[in-house]
Amino acid sequence: MLKQKEKNILLELICKEQTQMLQSNQEAYNYEKYKLLEKIKIKVKDTLSSQGQCMSQW
């Protein structure tokens, strides 16, 4: 299981990747990779909130 700090870093990396995708193509919202990253990001955020972790930075 990932620790909180590891989850936070994973979220940062996902957000960075999605941002780069959007900067190179504004239609990236429709890409399968972008959608999969979004699903993973939500799962990680859900585990943080279910553990009572502060997510104010997200």
PDB file of N, CA and C in Angstrom:
ATOM      1  N   MET A   1       0.848  -1.180   0.000  1.00  0.00           N
ATOM      2  CA  MET A   1       0.000   0.000   0.000  1.00  0.00           C
ATOM      3  C   MET A   1       0.891   1.240   0.000  1.00  0.00           C
ATOM      4  N   LEU A   2       0.457   2.243  -0.720  1.00  0.00           N
ATOM      5  CA  LEU A   2       1.214   3.485  -0.798  1.00  0.00           C
ATOM      6  C   LEU A   2       1.011   4.337   0.448  1.00  0.00           C
ATOM      7  N   LYS A   3       2.061   4.997   0.855  1.00  0.00           N
ATOM      8  CA  LYS A   3       1.979   5.937   1.975  1.00  0.00           C
ATOM      9  C   LYS A   3       1.394   7.252   1.467  1.00  0.00           C
ATOM     10  N   GLN A   4       0.953   8.088   2.398  1.00  0.00           N
ATOM     11  CA  GLN A   4       0.331   9.367   2.032  1.00  0.00           C
ATOM     12  C   GLN A   4       1.260  10.207   1.164  1.00  0.00           C
ATOM     13  N   LYS A   5       2.514  10.296   1.546  1.00  0.00           N
ATOM     14  CA  LYS A   5       3.468  11.111   0.785  1.00  0.00           C
ATOM     15  C   LYS A   5       3.622  10.573  -0.635  1.00  0.00           C
ATOM     16  N   GLU A   6       3.638   9.251  -0.783  1.00  0.00           N
ATOM     17  CA  GLU A   6       3.751   8.633  -2.096  1.00  0.00           C
ATOM     18  C   GLU A   6       2.508   8.926  -2.943  1.00  0.00           C
ATOM     19  N   LYS A   7       1.340   8.895  -2.306  1.00  0.00           N
ATOM     20  CA  LYS A   7       0.100   9.202  -3.013  1.00  0.00           C
ATOM     21  C   LYS A   7       0.088  10.643  -3.478  1.00  0.00           C
ATOM     22  N   ASN A   8       0.561  11.540  -2.638  1.00  0.00           N
ATOM     23  CA  ASN A   8       0.624  12.958  -3.011  1.00  0.00           C
ATOM     24  C   ASN A   8       1.539  13.172  -4.211  1.00  0.00           C
ATOM     25  N   ILE A   9       2.660  12.487  -4.217  1.00  0.00           N
ATOM     26  CA  ILE A   9       3.592  12.598  -5.342  1.00  0.00           C
ATOM     27  C   ILE A   9       2.969  12.016  -6.603  1.00  0.00           C
ATOM     28  N   LEU A  10       2.278  10.900  -6.474  1.00  0.00           N
ATOM     29  CA  LEU A  10       1.593  10.305  -7.610  1.00  0.00           C
ATOM     30  C   LEU A  10       0.563  11.274  -8.188  1.00  0.00           C
ATOM     31  N   LEU A  11      -0.195  11.926  -7.330  1.00  0.00           N
ATOM     32  CA  LEU A  11      -1.174  12.907  -7.793  1.00  0.00           C
ATOM     33  C   LEU A  11      -0.496  14.064  -8.522  1.00  0.00           C
ATOM     34  N   GLU A  12       0.610  14.532  -7.992  1.00  0.00           N
ATOM     35  CA  GLU A  12       1.351  15.617  -8.638  1.00  0.00           C
ATOM     36  C   GLU A  12       1.820  15.211 -10.030  1.00  0.00           C
ATOM     37  N   LEU A  13       2.326  13.983 -10.133  1.00  0.00           N
ATOM     38  CA  LEU A  13       2.810  13.496 -11.427  1.00  0.00           C
ATOM     39  C   LEU A  13       1.674  13.354 -12.438  1.00  0.00           C
ATOM     40  N   ILE A  14       0.543  12.853 -11.982  1.00  0.00           N
ATOM     41  CA  ILE A  14      -0.608  12.708 -12.870  1.00  0.00           C
ATOM     42  C   ILE A  14      -1.069  14.078 -13.361  1.00  0.00           C
ATOM     43  N   CYS A  15      -1.184  15.023 -12.444  1.00  0.00           N
ATOM     44  CA  CYS A  15      -1.616  16.378 -12.818  1.00  0.00           C
ATOM     45  C   CYS A  15      -0.631  17.021 -13.788  1.00  0.00           C
ATOM     46  N   LYS A  16       0.633  16.813 -13.553  1.00  0.00           N
ATOM     47  CA  LYS A  16       1.655  17.371 -14.444  1.00  0.00           C
ATOM     48  C   LYS A  16       1.531  16.773 -15.842  1.00  0.00           C
ATOM     49  N   GLU A  17       1.352  15.471 -15.911  1.00  0.00           N
ATOM     50  CA  GLU A  17       1.213  14.797 -17.201  1.00  0.00           C
ATOM     51  C   GLU A  17      -0.033  15.290 -17.940  1.00  0.00           C
ATOM     52  N   GLN A  18      -1.141  15.410 -17.221  1.00  0.00           N
ATOM     53  CA  GLN A  18      -2.363  15.891 -17.846  1.00  0.00           C
ATOM     54  C   GLN A  18      -2.205  17.333 -18.336  1.00  0.00           C
ATOM     55  N   THR A  19      -1.555  18.157 -17.562  1.00  0.00           N
ATOM     56  CA  THR A  19      -1.326  19.550 -17.952  1.00  0.00           C
ATOM     57  C   THR A  19      -0.480  19.622 -19.218  1.00  0.00           C
ATOM     58  N   GLN A  20       0.558  18.815 -19.280  1.00  0.00           N
ATOM     59  CA  GLN A  20       1.419  18.796 -20.467  1.00  0.00           C
ATOM     60  C   GLN A  20       0.641  18.320 -21.690  1.00  0.00           C
ATOM     61  N   MET A  21      -0.218  17.338 -21.485  1.00  0.00           N
ATOM     62  CA  MET A  21      -1.034  16.851 -22.596  1.00  0.00           C
ATOM     63  C   MET A  21      -1.932  17.964 -23.122  1.00  0.00           C
ATOM     64  N   LEU A  22      -2.547  18.702 -22.211  1.00  0.00           N
ATOM     65  CA  LEU A  22      -3.447  19.788 -22.611  1.00  0.00           C
ATOM     66  C   LEU A  22      -2.704  20.955 -23.252  1.00  0.00           C
ATOM     67  N   GLN A  23      -1.487  21.200 -22.799  1.00  0.00           N
ATOM     68  CA  GLN A  23      -0.707  22.283 -23.389  1.00  0.00           C
ATOM     69  C   GLN A  23      -0.326  21.970 -24.829  1.00  0.00           C
ATOM     70  N   SER A  24      -0.094  20.699 -25.109  1.00  0.00           N
ATOM     71  CA  SER A  24       0.288  20.327 -26.467  1.00  0.00           C
ATOM     72  C   SER A  24      -0.928  20.147 -27.373  1.00  0.00           C
ATOM     73  N   ASN A  25      -2.089  19.839 -26.769  1.00  0.00           N
ATOM     74  CA  ASN A  25      -3.295  19.667 -27.563  1.00  0.00           C
ATOM     75  C   ASN A  25      -4.512  19.886 -26.674  1.00  0.00           C
ATOM     76  N   GLN A  26      -5.287  20.895 -26.979  1.00  0.00           N
ATOM     77  CA  GLN A  26      -6.452  21.223 -26.151  1.00  0.00           C
ATOM     78  C   GLN A  26      -7.543  20.154 -26.228  1.00  0.00           C
ATOM     79  N   GLU A  27      -7.441  19.240 -27.155  1.00  0.00           N
ATOM     80  CA  GLU A  27      -8.404  18.145 -27.283  1.00  0.00           C
ATOM     81  C   GLU A  27      -7.988  16.914 -26.471  1.00  0.00           C
ATOM     82  N   ALA A  28      -6.966  17.058 -25.658  1.00  0.00           N
ATOM     83  CA  ALA A  28      -6.440  15.919 -24.887  1.00  0.00           C
ATOM     84  C   ALA A  28      -7.466  15.344 -23.917  1.00  0.00           C
ATOM     85  N   TYR A  29      -8.485  16.127 -23.570  1.00  0.00           N
ATOM     86  CA  TYR A  29      -9.547  15.625 -22.695  1.00  0.00           C
ATOM     87  C   TYR A  29     -10.197  14.373 -23.278  1.00  0.00           C
ATOM     88  N   ASN A  30     -10.139  14.250 -24.581  1.00  0.00           N
ATOM     89  CA  ASN A  30     -10.770  13.128 -25.259  1.00  0.00           C
ATOM     90  C   ASN A  30      -9.846  11.923 -25.419  1.00  0.00           C
ATOM     91  N   TYR A  31      -8.593  12.065 -25.089  1.00  0.00           N
ATOM     92  CA  TYR A  31      -7.635  10.962 -25.235  1.00  0.00           C
ATOM     93  C   TYR A  31      -7.890   9.895 -24.189  1.00  0.00           C
ATOM     94  N   GLU A  32      -7.717   8.667 -24.577  1.00  0.00           N
ATOM     95  CA  GLU A  32      -7.918   7.547 -23.651  1.00  0.00           C
ATOM     96  C   GLU A  32      -6.924   7.614 -22.480  1.00  0.00           C
ATOM     97  N   LYS A  33      -5.691   8.005 -22.781  1.00  0.00           N
ATOM     98  CA  LYS A  33      -4.684   8.112 -21.720  1.00  0.00           C
ATOM     99  C   LYS A  33      -5.083   9.164 -20.693  1.00  0.00           C
ATOM    100  N   TYR A  34      -5.585  10.299 -21.150  1.00  0.00           N
ATOM    101  CA  TYR A  34      -6.007  11.363 -20.240  1.00  0.00           C
ATOM    102  C   TYR A  34      -7.140  10.874 -19.341  1.00  0.00           C
ATOM    103  N   LYS A  35      -8.096  10.187 -19.929  1.00  0.00           N
ATOM    104  CA  LYS A  35      -9.240   9.665 -19.173  1.00  0.00           C
ATOM    105  C   LYS A  35      -8.797   8.629 -18.146  1.00  0.00           C
ATOM    106  N   LEU A  36      -7.865   7.773 -18.527  1.00  0.00           N
ATOM    107  CA  LEU A  36      -7.354   6.771 -17.587  1.00  0.00           C
ATOM    108  C   LEU A  36      -6.605   7.428 -16.435  1.00  0.00           C
ATOM    109  N   LEU A  37      -5.798   8.435 -16.733  1.00  0.00           N
ATOM    110  CA  LEU A  37      -5.095   9.167 -15.679  1.00  0.00           C
ATOM    111  C   LEU A  37      -6.084   9.816 -14.718  1.00  0.00           C
ATOM    112  N   GLU A  38      -7.186  10.330 -15.255  1.00  0.00           N
ATOM    113  CA  GLU A  38      -8.204  10.961 -14.420  1.00  0.00           C
ATOM    114  C   GLU A  38      -8.849   9.936 -13.477  1.00  0.00           C
ATOM    115  N   LYS A  39      -9.116   8.751 -13.988  1.00  0.00           N
ATOM    116  CA  LYS A  39      -9.697   7.688 -13.158  1.00  0.00           C
ATOM    117  C   LYS A  39      -8.747   7.296 -12.030  1.00  0.00           C
ATOM    118  N   ILE A  40      -7.468   7.169 -12.357  1.00  0.00           N
ATOM    119  CA  ILE A  40      -6.465   6.817 -11.344  1.00  0.00           C
ATOM    120  C   ILE A  40      -6.374   7.917 -10.295  1.00  0.00           C
ATOM    121  N   LYS A  41      -6.379   9.167 -10.757  1.00  0.00           N
ATOM    122  CA  LYS A  41      -6.293  10.312  -9.847  1.00  0.00           C
ATOM    123  C   LYS A  41      -7.467  10.307  -8.869  1.00  0.00           C
ATOM    124  N   ILE A  42      -8.642  10.024  -9.349  1.00  0.00           N
ATOM    125  CA  ILE A  42      -9.825   9.979  -8.483  1.00  0.00           C
ATOM    126  C   ILE A  42      -9.716   8.856  -7.465  1.00  0.00           C
ATOM    127  N   LYS A  43      -9.229   7.697  -7.892  1.00  0.00           N
ATOM    128  CA  LYS A  43      -9.064   6.572  -6.965  1.00  0.00           C
ATOM    129  C   LYS A  43      -8.077   6.919  -5.852  1.00  0.00           C
ATOM    130  N   VAL A  44      -6.978   7.548  -6.222  1.00  0.00           N
ATOM    131  CA  VAL A  44      -5.972   7.924  -5.218  1.00  0.00           C
ATOM    132  C   VAL A  44      -6.548   8.961  -4.269  1.00  0.00           C
ATOM    133  N   LYS A  45      -7.249   9.960  -4.801  1.00  0.00           N
ATOM    134  CA  LYS A  45      -7.864  10.983  -3.951  1.00  0.00           C
ATOM    135  C   LYS A  45      -8.882  10.369  -3.003  1.00  0.00           C
ATOM    136  N   ASP A  46      -9.654   9.404  -3.506  1.00  0.00           N
ATOM    137  CA  ASP A  46     -10.650   8.734  -2.668  1.00  0.00           C
ATOM    138  C   ASP A  46      -9.995   7.991  -1.507  1.00  0.00           C
ATOM    139  N   THR A  47      -8.850   7.372  -1.745  1.00  0.00           N
ATOM    140  CA  THR A  47      -8.178   6.665  -0.650  1.00  0.00           C
ATOM    141  C   THR A  47      -7.644   7.649   0.377  1.00  0.00           C
ATOM    142  N   LEU A  48      -7.213   8.829  -0.078  1.00  0.00           N
ATOM    143  CA  LEU A  48      -6.737   9.845   0.862  1.00  0.00           C
ATOM    144  C   LEU A  48      -7.886  10.364   1.716  1.00  0.00           C
ATOM    145  N   SER A  49      -9.026  10.620   1.081  1.00  0.00           N
ATOM    146  CA  SER A  49     -10.156  11.164   1.841  1.00  0.00           C
ATOM    147  C   SER A  49     -10.763  10.113   2.762  1.00  0.00           C
ATOM    148  N   SER A  50     -10.749   8.845   2.362  1.00  0.00           N
ATOM    149  CA  SER A  50     -11.304   7.801   3.221  1.00  0.00           C
ATOM    150  C   SER A  50     -10.410   7.535   4.430  1.00  0.00           C
ATOM    151  N   GLN A  51      -9.156   7.919   4.322  1.00  0.00           N
ATOM    152  CA  GLN A  51      -8.216   7.761   5.437  1.00  0.00           C
ATOM    153  C   GLN A  51      -8.201   9.022   6.297  1.00  0.00           C
ATOM    154  N   GLY A  52      -9.036   9.992   5.956  1.00  0.00           N
ATOM    155  CA  GLY A  52      -9.104  11.219   6.741  1.00  0.00           C
ATOM    156  C   GLY A  52      -7.931  12.152   6.524  1.00  0.00           C
ATOM    157  N   GLN A  53      -7.259  12.028   5.398  1.00  0.00           N
ATOM    158  CA  GLN A  53      -6.114  12.861   5.131  1.00  0.00           C
ATOM    159  C   GLN A  53      -6.578  14.211   4.590  1.00  0.00           C
ATOM    160  N   CYS A  54      -5.820  15.222   4.886  1.00  0.00           N
ATOM    161  CA  CYS A  54      -6.120  16.567   4.394  1.00  0.00           C
ATOM    162  C   CYS A  54      -5.812  16.646   2.905  1.00  0.00           C
ATOM    163  N   MET A  55      -6.776  17.113   2.158  1.00  0.00           N
ATOM    164  CA  MET A  55      -6.572  17.251   0.721  1.00  0.00           C
ATOM    165  C   MET A  55      -6.768  18.691   0.285  1.00  0.00           C
ATOM    166  N   SER A  56      -6.510  19.624   1.163  1.00  0.00           N
ATOM    167  CA  SER A  56      -6.744  21.026   0.844  1.00  0.00           C
ATOM    168  C   SER A  56      -5.938  21.496  -0.350  1.00  0.00           C
ATOM    169  N   GLN A  57      -4.785  20.878  -0.600  1.00  0.00           N
ATOM    170  CA  GLN A  57      -3.958  21.294  -1.722  1.00  0.00           C
ATOM    171  C   GLN A  57      -4.527  20.808  -3.039  1.00  0.00           C
ATOM    172  N   TRP A  58      -5.499  19.912  -3.026  1.00  0.00           N
ATOM    173  CA  TRP A  58      -6.089  19.381  -4.258  1.00  0.00           C
ATOM    174  C   TRP A  58      -7.410  20.007  -4.427  1.00  0.00           C
TER     175      TRP A  58
END
